[in-house]
Amino acid sequence: MNGSFRQRLENGDLLVGTIVSLPSPEIAEILADIGYDWLWVDVEHTTLTIPDVQRIVQATGGRCNCIVRAPSGDEVWAKKVLDTGAAGILFPHVNSADEAERIVRLCRYPPEGGRSVGISRAHGYGLTFQDYVDKANRSVSVILQIEDVEGVKNVESIVQVEGVDAILVGPYDLSGTMGKIGKVTDPDVQDEIEKVRKGCERAGMPIGIFGIDAEAVKPYIQRGFTLIGMGFDTTYLIKAAREALDEIRD
């Protein structure tokens, strides 16, 4: 298990990752070798299955941390995702402290929580069971997305929940809940994002955000966002392929 990701979050290191949406361990391996700090393995908005996730985690090895976004905060997803050996888990649409507390409990073994105990890849298929369960509560990162107006309203209480390691803003869904879908640079949307940033700053909570490319995330880095999700595997493929084709045609 790579326990450094949670420590780096706590230290305030700049952690730049990208979204993995394709069920290809080879693509994830390439991205890891390029040097990303983390891979955002997305089960919420893709066709990725748990076997796909596990193969991606296996392919990246100890070179790059995989943080898996679950489709929801249900217990079954917490168990299945963490048992792949991922460095952490990301939950979408967290809107209250009660939700945050329930999620943390699902991801921490007793006595800190109620994570179910099984034998899986995370436990070395049983070979490293005791070592894993002894260390998991200190090593596994639990990250929550605030991406609704309701979540912004409750940010001050959400960030006080013990066991939450970082907040990650979802600007696109947030803009949608404001009736401005896709307009992530709109001043009103930016005001809501700033409320989250200030709430995290007051609590000493690491904060992250997604942006479609480098230009989109640079302003947030300058404002103190340290957990950065930048682009998709598919957008990089589109950009490189289109540029090569345009060069030949020109």
Protein backbone atom coordinates (compact mmCIF):
# COMPACT_ATOMS: atom_id res chain seq x y z
CA MET A 1 0.00 0.00 0.00
CA ASN A 2 1.26 3.45 -0.87
CA GLY A 3 0.59 5.54 2.21
CA SER A 4 2.31 8.70 0.97
CA PHE A 5 -0.67 10.27 -0.78
CA ARG A 6 -2.56 11.06 2.41
CA GLN A 7 0.57 12.52 3.97
CA ARG A 8 1.25 14.66 0.92
CA LEU A 9 -2.33 15.94 1.03
CA GLU A 10 -1.86 16.90 4.67
CA ASN A 11 1.46 18.58 3.88
CA GLY A 12 -0.19 20.78 1.27
CA ASP A 13 1.88 19.44 -1.63
CA LEU A 14 0.65 20.28 -5.12
CA LEU A 15 -0.80 17.02 -6.46
CA VAL A 16 -1.67 17.01 -10.15
CA GLY A 17 -3.72 14.20 -11.61
CA THR A 18 -5.93 13.40 -14.56
CA ILE A 19 -9.15 11.46 -15.03
CA VAL A 20 -8.99 7.87 -16.27
CA SER A 21 -12.25 6.99 -18.01
CA LEU A 22 -11.23 4.20 -20.37
CA PRO A 23 -10.94 0.56 -19.22
CA SER A 24 -7.33 0.34 -20.31
CA PRO A 25 -4.56 -0.54 -17.83
CA GLU A 26 -2.07 0.37 -20.55
CA ILE A 27 -3.32 3.97 -20.75
CA ALA A 28 -3.19 4.27 -16.96
CA GLU A 29 0.33 2.83 -17.00
CA ILE A 30 1.44 5.42 -19.55
CA LEU A 31 -0.06 8.27 -17.51
CA ALA A 32 1.67 6.97 -14.39
CA ASP A 33 4.99 6.78 -16.21
CA ILE A 34 4.58 10.34 -17.49
CA GLY A 35 4.71 11.52 -13.89
CA TYR A 36 1.24 12.45 -12.69
CA ASP A 37 0.97 12.50 -8.91
CA TRP A 38 -2.36 10.70 -8.97
CA LEU A 39 -4.93 9.21 -11.28
CA TRP A 40 -8.61 9.99 -10.80
CA VAL A 41 -10.18 6.65 -11.73
CA ASP A 42 -13.79 7.52 -12.46
CA VAL A 43 -16.52 4.97 -11.82
CA GLU A 44 -19.27 7.60 -11.57
CA HIS A 45 -19.47 8.79 -15.17
CA THR A 46 -17.88 5.93 -17.09
CA THR A 47 -18.43 2.26 -17.86
CA LEU A 48 -15.52 1.23 -15.61
CA THR A 49 -16.25 -1.82 -13.46
CA ILE A 50 -14.53 -2.89 -10.25
CA PRO A 51 -12.38 -5.44 -12.17
CA ASP A 52 -11.36 -2.56 -14.50
CA VAL A 53 -10.43 -0.45 -11.46
CA GLN A 54 -8.37 -3.22 -9.95
CA ARG A 55 -6.42 -3.77 -13.17
CA ILE A 56 -5.72 -0.04 -13.40
CA VAL A 57 -4.48 0.00 -9.80
CA GLN A 58 -2.31 -3.03 -10.55
CA ALA A 59 -0.91 -1.48 -13.74
CA THR A 60 0.19 1.71 -12.02
CA GLY A 61 1.81 -0.17 -9.14
CA GLY A 62 3.56 2.03 -6.60
CA ARG A 63 4.47 4.66 -9.21
CA CYS A 64 1.23 6.64 -9.09
CA ASN A 65 -1.59 6.80 -6.57
CA CYS A 66 -5.08 5.88 -7.76
CA ILE A 67 -8.00 7.72 -6.21
CA VAL A 68 -11.25 6.11 -7.30
CA ARG A 69 -14.46 8.12 -7.59
CA ALA A 70 -17.37 5.96 -6.50
CA PRO A 71 -20.77 6.48 -8.14
CA SER A 72 -22.39 7.19 -4.77
CA GLY A 73 -21.86 7.03 -1.04
CA ASP A 74 -23.34 3.55 -0.67
CA GLU A 75 -21.51 1.05 1.53
CA VAL A 76 -21.06 -1.46 -1.27
CA TRP A 77 -18.96 1.02 -3.26
CA ALA A 78 -16.74 1.85 -0.31
CA LYS A 79 -16.01 -1.84 0.23
CA LYS A 80 -15.43 -2.75 -3.39
CA VAL A 81 -13.30 0.28 -4.27
CA LEU A 82 -11.02 0.15 -1.25
CA ASP A 83 -10.56 -3.59 -1.50
CA THR A 84 -8.84 -3.09 -4.88
CA GLY A 85 -5.92 -1.51 -3.00
CA ALA A 86 -6.57 2.03 -4.23
CA ALA A 87 -4.81 4.79 -2.31
CA GLY A 88 -8.09 6.53 -1.66
CA ILE A 89 -11.71 7.04 -2.56
CA LEU A 90 -13.63 10.09 -3.77
CA PHE A 91 -17.35 10.49 -3.12
CA PRO A 92 -19.50 12.81 -5.25
CA HIS A 93 -22.29 15.16 -4.18
CA VAL A 94 -21.68 15.35 -0.44
CA ASN A 95 -24.05 17.97 0.94
CA SER A 96 -24.03 17.68 4.72
CA ALA A 97 -21.90 16.82 7.72
CA ASP A 98 -24.14 13.83 8.42
CA GLU A 99 -23.36 12.44 4.96
CA ALA A 100 -19.66 13.08 5.50
CA GLU A 101 -19.66 11.30 8.86
CA ARG A 102 -21.45 8.27 7.42
CA ILE A 103 -18.99 8.06 4.52
CA VAL A 104 -15.95 8.28 6.77
CA ARG A 105 -17.30 5.44 8.91
CA LEU A 106 -17.66 3.26 5.81
CA CYS A 107 -13.98 3.81 4.97
CA ARG A 108 -12.37 3.29 8.38
CA TYR A 109 -11.97 -0.02 10.16
CA PRO A 110 -13.19 -0.33 13.78
CA PRO A 111 -12.90 1.25 16.22
CA GLU A 112 -12.66 4.47 14.15
CA GLY A 113 -15.41 3.34 11.80
CA GLY A 114 -17.36 0.40 10.51
CA ARG A 115 -15.59 -0.65 7.32
CA SER A 116 -16.39 -4.25 6.54
CA VAL A 117 -13.46 -6.66 6.77
CA GLY A 118 -12.73 -8.96 3.86
CA ILE A 119 -9.78 -10.55 2.12
CA SER A 120 -8.94 -9.05 -1.25
CA ARG A 121 -6.14 -7.56 -3.30
CA ALA A 122 -5.71 -4.74 -0.77
CA HIS A 123 -4.85 -7.40 1.82
CA GLY A 124 -2.45 -9.24 -0.47
CA TYR A 125 -5.20 -11.85 -0.93
CA GLY A 126 -4.61 -12.70 2.72
CA LEU A 127 -0.82 -12.70 2.67
CA THR A 128 -0.58 -9.20 4.17
CA PHE A 129 -3.98 -9.06 5.87
CA GLN A 130 -2.92 -7.92 9.33
CA ASP A 131 -0.44 -5.37 8.01
CA TYR A 132 -3.13 -3.80 5.82
CA VAL A 133 -5.85 -3.59 8.46
CA ASP A 134 -3.33 -2.18 10.96
CA LYS A 135 -2.33 0.63 8.59
CA ALA A 136 -5.37 1.33 6.43
CA ASN A 137 -7.01 3.89 8.71
CA ARG A 138 -3.83 5.97 8.58
CA SER A 139 -3.12 5.42 4.90
CA VAL A 140 -6.35 5.47 2.91
CA SER A 141 -7.51 8.91 1.78
CA VAL A 142 -11.18 9.88 2.00
CA ILE A 143 -12.01 12.81 -0.26
CA LEU A 144 -15.42 14.44 -0.62
CA GLN A 145 -16.79 16.42 -3.54
CA ILE A 146 -18.77 19.56 -2.97
CA GLU A 147 -20.60 20.20 -6.21
CA ASP A 148 -24.07 21.38 -5.24
CA VAL A 149 -25.36 24.65 -3.82
CA GLU A 150 -26.51 22.72 -0.74
CA GLY A 151 -22.98 21.45 -0.15
CA VAL A 152 -21.60 24.98 -0.38
CA LYS A 153 -24.11 26.14 2.24
CA ASN A 154 -22.92 23.41 4.60
CA VAL A 155 -19.21 23.56 3.87
CA GLU A 156 -18.30 24.90 7.32
CA SER A 157 -19.76 21.83 9.05
CA ILE A 158 -18.58 19.33 6.42
CA VAL A 159 -14.94 20.32 6.80
CA GLN A 160 -15.13 19.80 10.56
CA VAL A 161 -15.88 16.07 10.18
CA GLU A 162 -12.97 14.04 11.51
CA GLY A 163 -11.49 11.67 8.96
CA VAL A 164 -12.14 13.79 5.87
CA ASP A 165 -8.81 14.28 4.15
CA ALA A 166 -9.71 16.80 1.44
CA ILE A 167 -12.55 18.55 -0.34
CA LEU A 168 -12.68 18.58 -4.12
CA VAL A 169 -14.94 21.09 -5.87
CA GLY A 170 -16.95 19.91 -8.88
CA PRO A 171 -17.43 23.17 -10.78
CA TYR A 172 -19.52 21.76 -13.62
CA ASP A 173 -22.20 20.15 -11.47
CA LEU A 174 -22.11 23.18 -9.19
CA SER A 175 -22.82 25.45 -12.13
CA GLY A 176 -25.71 23.16 -13.07
CA THR A 177 -27.30 23.41 -9.63
CA MET A 178 -27.13 27.17 -10.03
CA GLY A 179 -28.95 27.14 -13.37
CA LYS A 180 -25.73 28.01 -15.21
CA ILE A 181 -24.60 24.62 -16.42
CA GLY A 182 -21.14 24.61 -17.94
CA LYS A 183 -20.51 28.29 -17.15
CA VAL A 184 -17.81 27.56 -14.61
CA THR A 185 -16.15 30.97 -14.95
CA ASP A 186 -19.40 32.85 -14.31
CA PRO A 187 -18.89 35.30 -11.41
CA ASP A 188 -21.72 33.76 -9.38
CA VAL A 189 -20.26 30.26 -9.78
CA GLN A 190 -16.84 31.56 -8.85
CA ASP A 191 -18.32 33.18 -5.74
CA GLU A 192 -19.65 29.79 -4.62
CA ILE A 193 -16.29 28.15 -5.27
CA GLU A 194 -14.62 30.88 -3.23
CA LYS A 195 -16.97 30.14 -0.31
CA VAL A 196 -15.75 26.55 -0.35
CA ARG A 197 -12.13 27.66 -0.55
CA LYS A 198 -12.51 29.99 2.42
CA GLY A 199 -14.29 27.33 4.46
CA CYS A 200 -11.48 24.88 3.79
CA GLU A 201 -8.83 27.48 4.54
CA ARG A 202 -10.36 28.29 7.92
CA ALA A 203 -10.42 24.60 8.83
CA GLY A 204 -6.95 23.84 7.47
CA MET A 205 -8.56 21.40 5.03
CA PRO A 206 -6.80 20.62 1.72
CA ILE A 207 -8.91 21.67 -1.27
CA GLY A 208 -8.93 20.55 -4.87
CA ILE A 209 -10.82 21.14 -8.09
CA PHE A 210 -11.26 19.80 -11.60
CA GLY A 211 -10.41 21.76 -14.74
CA ILE A 212 -10.55 20.73 -18.36
CA ASP A 213 -6.94 21.75 -19.09
CA ALA A 214 -3.87 23.49 -17.67
CA GLU A 215 -5.17 26.98 -18.34
CA ALA A 216 -8.36 26.18 -16.45
CA VAL A 217 -6.59 25.02 -13.30
CA LYS A 218 -3.73 27.52 -13.08
CA PRO A 219 -5.85 30.25 -11.42
CA TYR A 220 -6.98 27.82 -8.75
CA ILE A 221 -3.42 26.74 -7.98
CA GLN A 222 -2.57 30.40 -7.47
CA ARG A 223 -5.46 30.60 -4.97
CA GLY A 224 -4.18 27.70 -2.90
CA PHE A 225 -5.92 24.68 -4.41
CA THR A 226 -3.51 21.75 -4.11
CA LEU A 227 -5.45 18.68 -5.30
CA ILE A 228 -5.79 19.21 -9.02
CA GLY A 229 -7.67 17.06 -11.50
CA MET A 230 -6.76 18.17 -15.01
CA GLY A 231 -8.36 16.82 -18.16
CA PHE A 232 -9.30 13.30 -19.23
CA ASP A 233 -7.50 10.48 -20.97
CA THR A 234 -9.99 10.97 -23.82
CA THR A 235 -9.43 14.73 -24.14
CA TYR A 236 -5.68 14.20 -24.38
CA LEU A 237 -6.20 11.59 -27.07
CA ILE A 238 -8.52 13.89 -29.01
CA LYS A 239 -6.15 16.86 -28.74
CA ALA A 240 -3.04 14.98 -29.88
CA ALA A 241 -4.81 13.13 -32.68
CA ARG A 242 -6.51 16.26 -33.97
CA GLU A 243 -3.30 18.31 -33.88
CA ALA A 244 -1.41 15.64 -35.84
CA LEU A 245 -4.16 15.35 -38.43
CA ASP A 246 -4.47 19.12 -38.81
CA GLU A 247 -0.70 19.40 -39.24
CA ILE A 248 -0.71 16.89 -42.10
CA ARG A 249 -3.75 18.43 -43.79
CA ASP A 250 -2.30 21.94 -43.53
